[in-house]
Amino acid sequence: MITMRLILPPTDRTQLFGTRATRTIEQRSTGELAAHTLMRRAGEAVARLALALAPHARCVWIAAGPGNNGGDGLEAAAQLQQRGKQVRVTLAADLNQLPGDASDALARAQAAGVTIDAAGWPELDPQDIAIDALLGIGASRAPQGPLAALVAHLNALPCAVLAVDLPSGLNADTGQATGDCCVVAQHTLSLLTLKPGLFTGAGRDHAGTVWLDTLGVHADDDAPDAWLAGRQDLEAMPPRRRHAQHKGSFGDVAVIGGAPGMTGAALLAARAAHAAGAGRVFVNALDKGAMTHDLLRPELMFR
């Protein structure tokens, strides 16, 4: 069963789940499935997308952190190694403090023959690919120390960067960086749920092309925090205008603003309102001597 899909441009309306809702879905699914199932599915999804994005990669480098996001990266490393790729992992974590699923993924990566280092990174060429598995939705502060150094190196690479779940250092709910250090990825594979922060704030600048893999888990009965509009939302918009209608049929907008020296703001707002479909747009400029008409949009009515 294919569960991965490209998100933008959106064809269907898609649910967005924040950190709390995602945690709830994750905990419920973990209790219903055999041990380590979700992480193994996540690692397989990351490995499949990495192979599709960089089929000719000589080397795959995975920067893994101390939590389950790092575990997803370790599981992907094991599966990429089994598929014949040269994989190196930089694991910025205390091996004795890894969560249970991540410890299992580490053992599988080691058994597969993956090279795992505590620091450093390989030299990568443009056809290679790097995987950001440093921090996930549980991160509450900016990357620091070794994690910050890895983020900086990821951002300086000549090859594509694939972020696991979300770019490290990005807030999953707001789309804002948690500090000055945040991964800028070319691709992001959101796992289990689609996070609002990938589409709000600075999220789009950091996430690149967004993919979703639900890992075989259905969250249709869960209340989403938001929706990403799809094609059906556009089709549900008001029907096309009839020829016999006139500008008085489509509503009025009054723009009040434009203090002396700042009339441009009011003018831009009025132009945008007219372009969006308002029938009549009135401009009430606070600078009385500024202008009486707009040469580019003579339809605007100044009062």
C-alpha atoms as a PDB file:
ATOM      1  CA  MET A   1       0.000   0.000   0.000  1.00  0.00           C
ATOM      2  CA  ILE A   2       1.432   3.373  -1.066  1.00  0.00           C
ATOM      3  CA  THR A   3       1.064   5.889   1.729  1.00  0.00           C
ATOM      4  CA  MET A   4       3.479   8.605   0.566  1.00  0.00           C
ATOM      5  CA  ARG A   5       2.376  11.563  -1.501  1.00  0.00           C
ATOM      6  CA  LEU A   6       3.550  14.958  -2.620  1.00  0.00           C
ATOM      7  CA  ILE A   7       1.625  17.698  -0.831  1.00  0.00           C
ATOM      8  CA  LEU A   8       2.000  20.830  -2.968  1.00  0.00           C
ATOM      9  CA  PRO A   9       0.130  21.705  -5.078  1.00  0.00           C
ATOM     10  CA  PRO A  10      -2.638  20.207  -2.918  1.00  0.00           C
ATOM     11  CA  THR A  11      -5.209  18.107  -4.762  1.00  0.00           C
ATOM     12  CA  ASP A  12      -7.259  17.180  -1.701  1.00  0.00           C
ATOM     13  CA  ARG A  13      -8.010  19.007   1.500  1.00  0.00           C
ATOM     14  CA  THR A  14      -5.528  17.697   4.060  1.00  0.00           C
ATOM     15  CA  GLN A  15      -5.678  17.660   7.846  1.00  0.00           C
ATOM     16  CA  LEU A  16      -2.959  19.436   9.793  1.00  0.00           C
ATOM     17  CA  PHE A  17      -2.080  18.195  13.281  1.00  0.00           C
ATOM     18  CA  GLY A  18       0.020  20.112  15.771  1.00  0.00           C
ATOM     19  CA  THR A  19       2.453  18.627  18.257  1.00  0.00           C
ATOM     20  CA  ARG A  20      -0.093  17.660  20.922  1.00  0.00           C
ATOM     21  CA  ALA A  21      -2.493  15.999  18.484  1.00  0.00           C
ATOM     22  CA  THR A  22       0.351  14.195  16.724  1.00  0.00           C
ATOM     23  CA  ARG A  23       1.600  12.851  20.049  1.00  0.00           C
ATOM     24  CA  THR A  24      -1.873  11.509  20.806  1.00  0.00           C
ATOM     25  CA  ILE A  25      -2.105   9.747  17.444  1.00  0.00           C
ATOM     26  CA  GLU A  26       1.414   8.394  17.821  1.00  0.00           C
ATOM     27  CA  GLN A  27       0.790   6.986  21.300  1.00  0.00           C
ATOM     28  CA  ARG A  28      -2.459   5.350  20.247  1.00  0.00           C
ATOM     29  CA  SER A  29      -0.875   3.796  17.150  1.00  0.00           C
ATOM     30  CA  THR A  30       2.146   2.569  19.105  1.00  0.00           C
ATOM     31  CA  GLY A  31      -0.175   0.745  21.490  1.00  0.00           C
ATOM     32  CA  GLU A  32      -2.052  -0.901  18.636  1.00  0.00           C
ATOM     33  CA  LEU A  33       0.992  -2.064  16.637  1.00  0.00           C
ATOM     34  CA  ALA A  34       3.846  -4.442  17.351  1.00  0.00           C
ATOM     35  CA  ALA A  35       6.941  -2.990  18.989  1.00  0.00           C
ATOM     36  CA  HIS A  36       9.100  -0.703  16.804  1.00  0.00           C
ATOM     37  CA  THR A  37       6.616  -0.899  13.900  1.00  0.00           C
ATOM     38  CA  LEU A  38       6.092   2.847  13.467  1.00  0.00           C
ATOM     39  CA  MET A  39       9.821   3.639  13.482  1.00  0.00           C
ATOM     40  CA  ARG A  40      10.592   0.879  11.005  1.00  0.00           C
ATOM     41  CA  ARG A  41       7.872   2.175   8.706  1.00  0.00           C
ATOM     42  CA  ALA A  42       9.253   5.684   9.104  1.00  0.00           C
ATOM     43  CA  GLY A  43      12.790   4.569   8.290  1.00  0.00           C
ATOM     44  CA  GLU A  44      11.572   2.711   5.233  1.00  0.00           C
ATOM     45  CA  ALA A  45       9.667   5.775   4.033  1.00  0.00           C
ATOM     46  CA  VAL A  46      12.736   8.002   4.460  1.00  0.00           C
ATOM     47  CA  ALA A  47      14.937   5.457   2.672  1.00  0.00           C
ATOM     48  CA  ARG A  48      12.526   5.126  -0.264  1.00  0.00           C
ATOM     49  CA  LEU A  49      12.246   8.876  -0.738  1.00  0.00           C
ATOM     50  CA  ALA A  50      16.013   9.366  -0.461  1.00  0.00           C
ATOM     51  CA  LEU A  51      16.576   6.738  -3.157  1.00  0.00           C
ATOM     52  CA  ALA A  52      13.982   8.397  -5.397  1.00  0.00           C
ATOM     53  CA  LEU A  53      15.458  11.866  -4.917  1.00  0.00           C
ATOM     54  CA  ALA A  54      19.107  10.848  -5.346  1.00  0.00           C
ATOM     55  CA  PRO A  55      19.232   7.535  -7.219  1.00  0.00           C
ATOM     56  CA  HIS A  56      22.863   8.102  -8.252  1.00  0.00           C
ATOM     57  CA  ALA A  57      24.134   9.155  -4.852  1.00  0.00           C
ATOM     58  CA  ARG A  58      27.608   7.835  -4.098  1.00  0.00           C
ATOM     59  CA  CYS A  59      27.150   8.489  -0.394  1.00  0.00           C
ATOM     60  CA  VAL A  60      24.224   9.112   1.937  1.00  0.00           C
ATOM     61  CA  TRP A  61      25.027  11.045   5.095  1.00  0.00           C
ATOM     62  CA  ILE A  62      22.570  11.044   7.975  1.00  0.00           C
ATOM     63  CA  ALA A  63      22.846  13.532  10.832  1.00  0.00           C
ATOM     64  CA  ALA A  64      20.985  11.877  13.712  1.00  0.00           C
ATOM     65  CA  GLY A  65      19.993  13.372  17.039  1.00  0.00           C
ATOM     66  CA  PRO A  66      19.269  11.983  20.501  1.00  0.00           C
ATOM     67  CA  GLY A  67      15.531  11.310  20.182  1.00  0.00           C
ATOM     68  CA  ASN A  68      13.125   9.343  18.036  1.00  0.00           C
ATOM     69  CA  ASN A  69      13.816  11.637  15.080  1.00  0.00           C
ATOM     70  CA  GLY A  70      17.374  10.343  15.226  1.00  0.00           C
ATOM     71  CA  GLY A  71      15.947   6.832  15.510  1.00  0.00           C
ATOM     72  CA  ASP A  72      14.046   7.355  12.250  1.00  0.00           C
ATOM     73  CA  GLY A  73      17.360   8.354  10.661  1.00  0.00           C
ATOM     74  CA  LEU A  74      19.133   5.268  12.045  1.00  0.00           C
ATOM     75  CA  GLU A  75      16.392   3.001  10.729  1.00  0.00           C
ATOM     76  CA  ALA A  76      16.657   4.694   7.325  1.00  0.00           C
ATOM     77  CA  ALA A  77      20.420   4.136   7.448  1.00  0.00           C
ATOM     78  CA  ALA A  78      19.950   0.402   8.028  1.00  0.00           C
ATOM     79  CA  GLN A  79      17.541   0.090   5.126  1.00  0.00           C
ATOM     80  CA  LEU A  80      19.671   2.185   2.753  1.00  0.00           C
ATOM     81  CA  GLN A  81      22.726   0.096   3.626  1.00  0.00           C
ATOM     82  CA  GLN A  82      20.769  -3.064   2.896  1.00  0.00           C
ATOM     83  CA  ARG A  83      19.869  -1.603  -0.493  1.00  0.00           C
ATOM     84  CA  GLY A  84      23.528  -1.247  -1.383  1.00  0.00           C
ATOM     85  CA  LYS A  85      24.163   2.405  -0.565  1.00  0.00           C
ATOM     86  CA  GLN A  86      27.251   3.715   1.196  1.00  0.00           C
ATOM     87  CA  VAL A  87      25.809   5.223   4.356  1.00  0.00           C
ATOM     88  CA  ARG A  88      27.474   7.220   7.096  1.00  0.00           C
ATOM     89  CA  VAL A  89      25.760   8.419  10.251  1.00  0.00           C
ATOM     90  CA  THR A  90      26.867  11.139  12.604  1.00  0.00           C
ATOM     91  CA  LEU A  91      25.056  10.332  15.853  1.00  0.00           C
ATOM     92  CA  ALA A  92      25.041  13.317  18.206  1.00  0.00           C
ATOM     93  CA  ALA A  93      23.670  11.451  21.205  1.00  0.00           C
ATOM     94  CA  ASP A  94      24.533   9.515  24.324  1.00  0.00           C
ATOM     95  CA  LEU A  95      24.075   5.871  23.310  1.00  0.00           C
ATOM     96  CA  ASN A  96      22.949   4.994  26.820  1.00  0.00           C
ATOM     97  CA  GLN A  97      20.184   7.601  26.769  1.00  0.00           C
ATOM     98  CA  LEU A  98      18.471   6.692  23.502  1.00  0.00           C
ATOM     99  CA  PRO A  99      14.708   5.921  23.627  1.00  0.00           C
ATOM    100  CA  GLY A 100      13.708   2.295  23.178  1.00  0.00           C
ATOM    101  CA  ASP A 101      12.747   2.524  19.518  1.00  0.00           C
ATOM    102  CA  ALA A 102      15.891   4.486  18.678  1.00  0.00           C
ATOM    103  CA  SER A 103      18.068   1.914  20.494  1.00  0.00           C
ATOM    104  CA  ASP A 104      16.489  -0.811  18.380  1.00  0.00           C
ATOM    105  CA  ALA A 105      17.162   1.218  15.219  1.00  0.00           C
ATOM    106  CA  LEU A 106      20.783   1.740  16.286  1.00  0.00           C
ATOM    107  CA  ALA A 107      21.268  -2.002  16.723  1.00  0.00           C
ATOM    108  CA  ARG A 108      19.758  -2.649  13.290  1.00  0.00           C
ATOM    109  CA  ALA A 109      22.007  -0.025  11.679  1.00  0.00           C
ATOM    110  CA  GLN A 110      25.081  -1.509  13.309  1.00  0.00           C
ATOM    111  CA  ALA A 111      24.079  -5.018  12.232  1.00  0.00           C
ATOM    112  CA  ALA A 112      23.650  -3.776   8.666  1.00  0.00           C
ATOM    113  CA  GLY A 113      27.221  -2.466   8.657  1.00  0.00           C
ATOM    114  CA  VAL A 114      26.457   1.257   8.727  1.00  0.00           C
ATOM    115  CA  THR A 115      29.422   3.469   9.657  1.00  0.00           C
ATOM    116  CA  ILE A 116      28.396   5.440  12.746  1.00  0.00           C
ATOM    117  CA  ASP A 117      30.525   8.270  14.149  1.00  0.00           C
ATOM    118  CA  ALA A 118      30.033  10.586  17.083  1.00  0.00           C
ATOM    119  CA  ALA A 119      31.340  13.628  15.195  1.00  0.00           C
ATOM    120  CA  GLY A 120      32.491  14.752  11.773  1.00  0.00           C
ATOM    121  CA  TRP A 121      30.961  14.172   8.376  1.00  0.00           C
ATOM    122  CA  PRO A 122      31.909  12.818   4.946  1.00  0.00           C
ATOM    123  CA  GLU A 123      32.696  14.859   1.851  1.00  0.00           C
ATOM    124  CA  LEU A 124      29.582  14.963  -0.300  1.00  0.00           C
ATOM    125  CA  ASP A 125      29.156  15.727  -3.985  1.00  0.00           C
ATOM    126  CA  PRO A 126      26.154  17.420  -5.621  1.00  0.00           C
ATOM    127  CA  GLN A 127      24.628  14.067  -6.633  1.00  0.00           C
ATOM    128  CA  ASP A 128      24.742  12.787  -3.035  1.00  0.00           C
ATOM    129  CA  ILE A 129      22.084  13.383  -0.407  1.00  0.00           C
ATOM    130  CA  ALA A 130      22.080  14.291   3.287  1.00  0.00           C
ATOM    131  CA  ILE A 131      19.301  13.444   5.720  1.00  0.00           C
ATOM    132  CA  ASP A 132      18.454  15.740   8.627  1.00  0.00           C
ATOM    133  CA  ALA A 133      17.282  13.528  11.510  1.00  0.00           C
ATOM    134  CA  LEU A 134      18.525  15.710  14.343  1.00  0.00           C
ATOM    135  CA  LEU A 135      15.423  17.133  16.028  1.00  0.00           C
ATOM    136  CA  GLY A 136      11.711  16.436  15.673  1.00  0.00           C
ATOM    137  CA  ILE A 137       8.486  17.847  17.034  1.00  0.00           C
ATOM    138  CA  GLY A 138       9.621  17.337  20.620  1.00  0.00           C
ATOM    139  CA  ALA A 139      12.370  19.957  20.423  1.00  0.00           C
ATOM    140  CA  SER A 140      11.545  23.039  22.484  1.00  0.00           C
ATOM    141  CA  ARG A 141      14.750  25.054  22.111  1.00  0.00           C
ATOM    142  CA  ALA A 142      17.222  25.965  19.412  1.00  0.00           C
ATOM    143  CA  PRO A 143      19.972  23.491  18.461  1.00  0.00           C
ATOM    144  CA  GLN A 144      23.099  24.060  20.540  1.00  0.00           C
ATOM    145  CA  GLY A 145      26.663  22.784  20.643  1.00  0.00           C
ATOM    146  CA  PRO A 146      27.295  19.778  18.359  1.00  0.00           C
ATOM    147  CA  LEU A 147      23.715  19.908  17.075  1.00  0.00           C
ATOM    148  CA  ALA A 148      24.142  23.525  15.993  1.00  0.00           C
ATOM    149  CA  ALA A 149      27.401  22.647  14.221  1.00  0.00           C
ATOM    150  CA  LEU A 150      25.647  19.854  12.330  1.00  0.00           C
ATOM    151  CA  VAL A 151      22.809  22.187  11.327  1.00  0.00           C
ATOM    152  CA  ALA A 152      25.316  24.717  10.005  1.00  0.00           C
ATOM    153  CA  HIS A 153      27.088  22.022   7.998  1.00  0.00           C
ATOM    154  CA  LEU A 154      23.814  20.708   6.568  1.00  0.00           C
ATOM    155  CA  ASN A 155      22.996  24.211   5.356  1.00  0.00           C
ATOM    156  CA  ALA A 156      26.382  24.525   3.644  1.00  0.00           C
ATOM    157  CA  LEU A 157      26.269  21.263   1.676  1.00  0.00           C
ATOM    158  CA  PRO A 158      26.374  21.200  -2.138  1.00  0.00           C
ATOM    159  CA  CYS A 159      23.800  18.387  -2.277  1.00  0.00           C
ATOM    160  CA  ALA A 160      20.117  18.124  -1.431  1.00  0.00           C
ATOM    161  CA  VAL A 161      19.015  17.843   2.200  1.00  0.00           C
ATOM    162  CA  LEU A 162      16.001  15.719   3.146  1.00  0.00           C
ATOM    163  CA  ALA A 163      14.507  16.622   6.537  1.00  0.00           C
ATOM    164  CA  VAL A 164      12.797  13.880   8.550  1.00  0.00           C
ATOM    165  CA  ASP A 165       9.367  15.033   9.788  1.00  0.00           C
ATOM    166  CA  LEU A 166      10.403  18.706   9.835  1.00  0.00           C
ATOM    167  CA  PRO A 167      13.621  20.722   9.503  1.00  0.00           C
ATOM    168  CA  SER A 168      15.590  20.659  12.748  1.00  0.00           C
ATOM    169  CA  GLY A 169      15.082  23.881  14.669  1.00  0.00           C
ATOM    170  CA  LEU A 170      11.623  24.601  13.226  1.00  0.00           C
ATOM    171  CA  ASN A 171       8.568  24.781  15.481  1.00  0.00           C
ATOM    172  CA  ALA A 172       6.008  22.257  14.234  1.00  0.00           C
ATOM    173  CA  ASP A 173       3.062  24.386  15.351  1.00  0.00           C
ATOM    174  CA  THR A 174       4.049  27.937  14.401  1.00  0.00           C
ATOM    175  CA  GLY A 175       6.505  27.525  11.546  1.00  0.00           C
ATOM    176  CA  GLN A 176       8.989  29.791  13.284  1.00  0.00           C
ATOM    177  CA  ALA A 177      12.592  28.849  13.988  1.00  0.00           C
ATOM    178  CA  THR A 178      13.269  28.179  17.667  1.00  0.00           C
ATOM    179  CA  GLY A 179      16.441  30.278  17.396  1.00  0.00           C
ATOM    180  CA  ASP A 180      19.050  31.470  14.922  1.00  0.00           C
ATOM    181  CA  CYS A 181      19.962  27.909  13.923  1.00  0.00           C
ATOM    182  CA  CYS A 182      17.514  26.045  11.682  1.00  0.00           C
ATOM    183  CA  VAL A 183      17.937  23.606   8.796  1.00  0.00           C
ATOM    184  CA  VAL A 184      16.994  24.802   5.325  1.00  0.00           C
ATOM    185  CA  ALA A 185      15.973  21.607   3.522  1.00  0.00           C
ATOM    186  CA  GLN A 186      15.207  20.998  -0.129  1.00  0.00           C
ATOM    187  CA  HIS A 187      12.729  18.265   0.816  1.00  0.00           C
ATOM    188  CA  THR A 188      10.803  17.408   3.986  1.00  0.00           C
ATOM    189  CA  LEU A 189       9.053  14.102   4.620  1.00  0.00           C
ATOM    190  CA  SER A 190       6.383  14.660   7.251  1.00  0.00           C
ATOM    191  CA  LEU A 191       5.653  11.398   9.046  1.00  0.00           C
ATOM    192  CA  LEU A 192       2.343  10.138  10.464  1.00  0.00           C
ATOM    193  CA  THR A 193       0.705  13.592  10.259  1.00  0.00           C
ATOM    194  CA  LEU A 194       1.160  16.816   8.373  1.00  0.00           C
ATOM    195  CA  LYS A 195       2.343  19.646  10.647  1.00  0.00           C
ATOM    196  CA  PRO A 196       0.978  23.218  10.422  1.00  0.00           C
ATOM    197  CA  GLY A 197       4.446  24.720  10.841  1.00  0.00           C
ATOM    198  CA  LEU A 198       5.503  23.404   7.442  1.00  0.00           C
ATOM    199  CA  PHE A 199       3.107  25.907   5.833  1.00  0.00           C
ATOM    200  CA  THR A 200       3.079  28.868   8.230  1.00  0.00           C
ATOM    201  CA  GLY A 201       5.630  31.429   9.325  1.00  0.00           C
ATOM    202  CA  ALA A 202       9.038  30.605   7.884  1.00  0.00           C
ATOM    203  CA  GLY A 203       8.080  26.976   7.398  1.00  0.00           C
ATOM    204  CA  ARG A 204       7.824  27.070   3.617  1.00  0.00           C
ATOM    205  CA  ASP A 205      11.290  28.661   3.369  1.00  0.00           C
ATOM    206  CA  HIS A 206      12.827  25.910   5.493  1.00  0.00           C
ATOM    207  CA  ALA A 207      10.835  22.829   4.419  1.00  0.00           C
ATOM    208  CA  GLY A 208      11.284  22.971   0.650  1.00  0.00           C
ATOM    209  CA  THR A 209       9.148  20.395  -1.158  1.00  0.00           C
ATOM    210  CA  VAL A 210       6.843  18.755   1.372  1.00  0.00           C
ATOM    211  CA  TRP A 211       5.915  15.065   1.308  1.00  0.00           C
ATOM    212  CA  LEU A 212       3.639  13.114   3.644  1.00  0.00           C
ATOM    213  CA  ASP A 213       3.707   9.459   4.667  1.00  0.00           C
ATOM    214  CA  THR A 214       1.005   8.468   7.159  1.00  0.00           C
ATOM    215  CA  LEU A 215       2.849   5.204   7.912  1.00  0.00           C
ATOM    216  CA  GLY A 216      -0.367   3.279   7.370  1.00  0.00           C
ATOM    217  CA  VAL A 217      -2.113   5.078  10.245  1.00  0.00           C
ATOM    218  CA  HIS A 218      -5.508   6.678   9.665  1.00  0.00           C
ATOM    219  CA  ALA A 219      -6.385   9.755  11.717  1.00  0.00           C
ATOM    220  CA  ASP A 220      -9.766  10.458  10.130  1.00  0.00           C
ATOM    221  CA  ASP A 221     -11.544  10.332  13.484  1.00  0.00           C
ATOM    222  CA  ASP A 222      -9.150  12.802  15.117  1.00  0.00           C
ATOM    223  CA  ALA A 223      -9.948  16.512  15.154  1.00  0.00           C
ATOM    224  CA  PRO A 224      -7.317  18.407  13.146  1.00  0.00           C
ATOM    225  CA  ASP A 225      -5.860  21.694  14.315  1.00  0.00           C
ATOM    226  CA  ALA A 226      -6.193  23.181  10.817  1.00  0.00           C
ATOM    227  CA  TRP A 227      -6.729  22.266   7.178  1.00  0.00           C
ATOM    228  CA  LEU A 228      -4.586  22.695   4.102  1.00  0.00           C
ATOM    229  CA  ALA A 229      -6.985  23.780   1.353  1.00  0.00           C
ATOM    230  CA  GLY A 230      -7.341  21.547  -1.682  1.00  0.00           C
ATOM    231  CA  ARG A 231      -8.914  21.575  -5.109  1.00  0.00           C
ATOM    232  CA  GLN A 232     -12.441  21.020  -3.790  1.00  0.00           C
ATOM    233  CA  ASP A 233     -12.162  24.226  -1.761  1.00  0.00           C
ATOM    234  CA  LEU A 234     -11.477  26.183  -4.944  1.00  0.00           C
ATOM    235  CA  GLU A 235     -14.354  24.453  -6.721  1.00  0.00           C
ATOM    236  CA  ALA A 236     -16.669  25.415  -3.848  1.00  0.00           C
ATOM    237  CA  MET A 237     -15.973  29.116  -4.322  1.00  0.00           C
ATOM    238  CA  PRO A 238     -18.808  31.341  -5.586  1.00  0.00           C
ATOM    239  CA  PRO A 239     -19.796  30.657  -9.210  1.00  0.00           C
ATOM    240  CA  ARG A 240     -18.559  32.767 -12.093  1.00  0.00           C
ATOM    241  CA  ARG A 241     -20.193  36.165 -12.462  1.00  0.00           C
ATOM    242  CA  ARG A 242     -23.021  36.698 -14.882  1.00  0.00           C
ATOM    243  CA  HIS A 243     -22.611  39.218 -17.698  1.00  0.00           C
ATOM    244  CA  ALA A 244     -25.696  41.160 -16.600  1.00  0.00           C
ATOM    245  CA  GLN A 245     -24.299  41.888 -13.148  1.00  0.00           C
ATOM    246  CA  HIS A 246     -22.562  45.136 -12.233  1.00  0.00           C
ATOM    247  CA  LYS A 247     -19.990  46.316  -9.713  1.00  0.00           C
ATOM    248  CA  GLY A 248     -22.636  47.065  -7.111  1.00  0.00           C
ATOM    249  CA  SER A 249     -23.381  43.327  -6.943  1.00  0.00           C
ATOM    250  CA  PHE A 250     -20.036  42.317  -5.478  1.00  0.00           C
ATOM    251  CA  GLY A 251     -19.710  44.266  -2.269  1.00  0.00           C
ATOM    252  CA  ASP A 252     -17.881  47.411  -1.209  1.00  0.00           C
ATOM    253  CA  VAL A 253     -14.507  47.876   0.475  1.00  0.00           C
ATOM    254  CA  ALA A 254     -13.455  51.086   2.222  1.00  0.00           C
ATOM    255  CA  VAL A 255      -9.744  51.637   2.786  1.00  0.00           C
ATOM    256  CA  ILE A 256      -8.958  54.238   5.446  1.00  0.00           C
ATOM    257  CA  GLY A 257      -5.274  55.104   5.851  1.00  0.00           C
ATOM    258  CA  GLY A 258      -2.360  56.726   4.161  1.00  0.00           C
ATOM    259  CA  ALA A 259      -0.984  59.300   6.556  1.00  0.00           C
ATOM    260  CA  PRO A 260       1.264  62.000   5.038  1.00  0.00           C
ATOM    261  CA  GLY A 261       4.171  60.264   3.364  1.00  0.00           C
ATOM    262  CA  MET A 262       2.554  56.831   3.647  1.00  0.00           C
ATOM    263  CA  THR A 263      -0.207  56.892   1.055  1.00  0.00           C
ATOM    264  CA  GLY A 264       1.339  53.925  -0.724  1.00  0.00           C
ATOM    265  CA  ALA A 265       0.038  51.496   1.920  1.00  0.00           C
ATOM    266  CA  ALA A 266      -3.555  52.587   1.432  1.00  0.00           C
ATOM    267  CA  LEU A 267      -3.167  52.503  -2.326  1.00  0.00           C
ATOM    268  CA  LEU A 268      -1.713  48.973  -2.320  1.00  0.00           C
ATOM    269  CA  ALA A 269      -4.500  47.753  -0.053  1.00  0.00           C
ATOM    270  CA  ALA A 270      -7.140  49.281  -2.332  1.00  0.00           C
ATOM    271  CA  ARG A 271      -5.596  47.773  -5.453  1.00  0.00           C
ATOM    272  CA  ALA A 272      -5.458  44.364  -3.773  1.00  0.00           C
ATOM    273  CA  ALA A 273      -9.110  44.585  -2.726  1.00  0.00           C
ATOM    274  CA  HIS A 274     -10.160  45.410  -6.274  1.00  0.00           C
ATOM    275  CA  ALA A 275      -8.004  42.641  -7.737  1.00  0.00           C
ATOM    276  CA  ALA A 276      -9.531  40.169  -5.275  1.00  0.00           C
ATOM    277  CA  GLY A 277     -13.004  40.882  -6.639  1.00  0.00           C
ATOM    278  CA  ALA A 278     -14.513  43.729  -4.650  1.00  0.00           C
ATOM    279  CA  GLY A 279     -17.100  45.570  -6.730  1.00  0.00           C
ATOM    280  CA  ARG A 280     -16.459  49.091  -5.442  1.00  0.00           C
ATOM    281  CA  VAL A 281     -13.379  50.224  -3.555  1.00  0.00           C
ATOM    282  CA  PHE A 282     -13.357  53.560  -1.744  1.00  0.00           C
ATOM    283  CA  VAL A 283     -10.027  55.106  -0.711  1.00  0.00           C
ATOM    284  CA  ASN A 284     -10.235  57.493   2.216  1.00  0.00           C
ATOM    285  CA  ALA A 285      -6.731  58.944   2.367  1.00  0.00           C
ATOM    286  CA  LEU A 286      -5.689  60.650   5.597  1.00  0.00           C
ATOM    287  CA  ASP A 287      -3.285  62.824   3.596  1.00  0.00           C
ATOM    288  CA  LYS A 288      -5.834  65.065   1.932  1.00  0.00           C
ATOM    289  CA  GLY A 289      -3.371  66.486  -0.556  1.00  0.00           C
ATOM    290  CA  ALA A 290      -1.893  63.178  -1.657  1.00  0.00           C
ATOM    291  CA  MET A 291      -3.899  62.145  -4.718  1.00  0.00           C
ATOM    292  CA  THR A 292      -7.364  62.196  -6.200  1.00  0.00           C
ATOM    293  CA  HIS A 293      -7.148  59.205  -8.558  1.00  0.00           C
ATOM    294  CA  ASP A 294      -5.017  56.191  -9.412  1.00  0.00           C
ATOM    295  CA  LEU A 295      -3.671  56.039 -12.964  1.00  0.00           C
ATOM    296  CA  LEU A 296      -3.120  52.264 -12.747  1.00  0.00           C
ATOM    297  CA  ARG A 297      -6.537  51.550 -11.218  1.00  0.00           C
ATOM    298  CA  PRO A 298      -8.892  54.335 -12.262  1.00  0.00           C
ATOM    299  CA  GLU A 299     -11.755  52.199 -10.909  1.00  0.00           C
ATOM    300  CA  LEU A 300     -10.752  53.164  -7.358  1.00  0.00           C
ATOM    301  CA  MET A 301     -12.921  55.915  -5.913  1.00  0.00           C
ATOM    302  CA  PHE A 302     -11.194  58.505  -3.737  1.00  0.00           C
ATOM    303  CA  ARG A 303     -13.231  60.203  -1.019  1.00  0.00           C
END
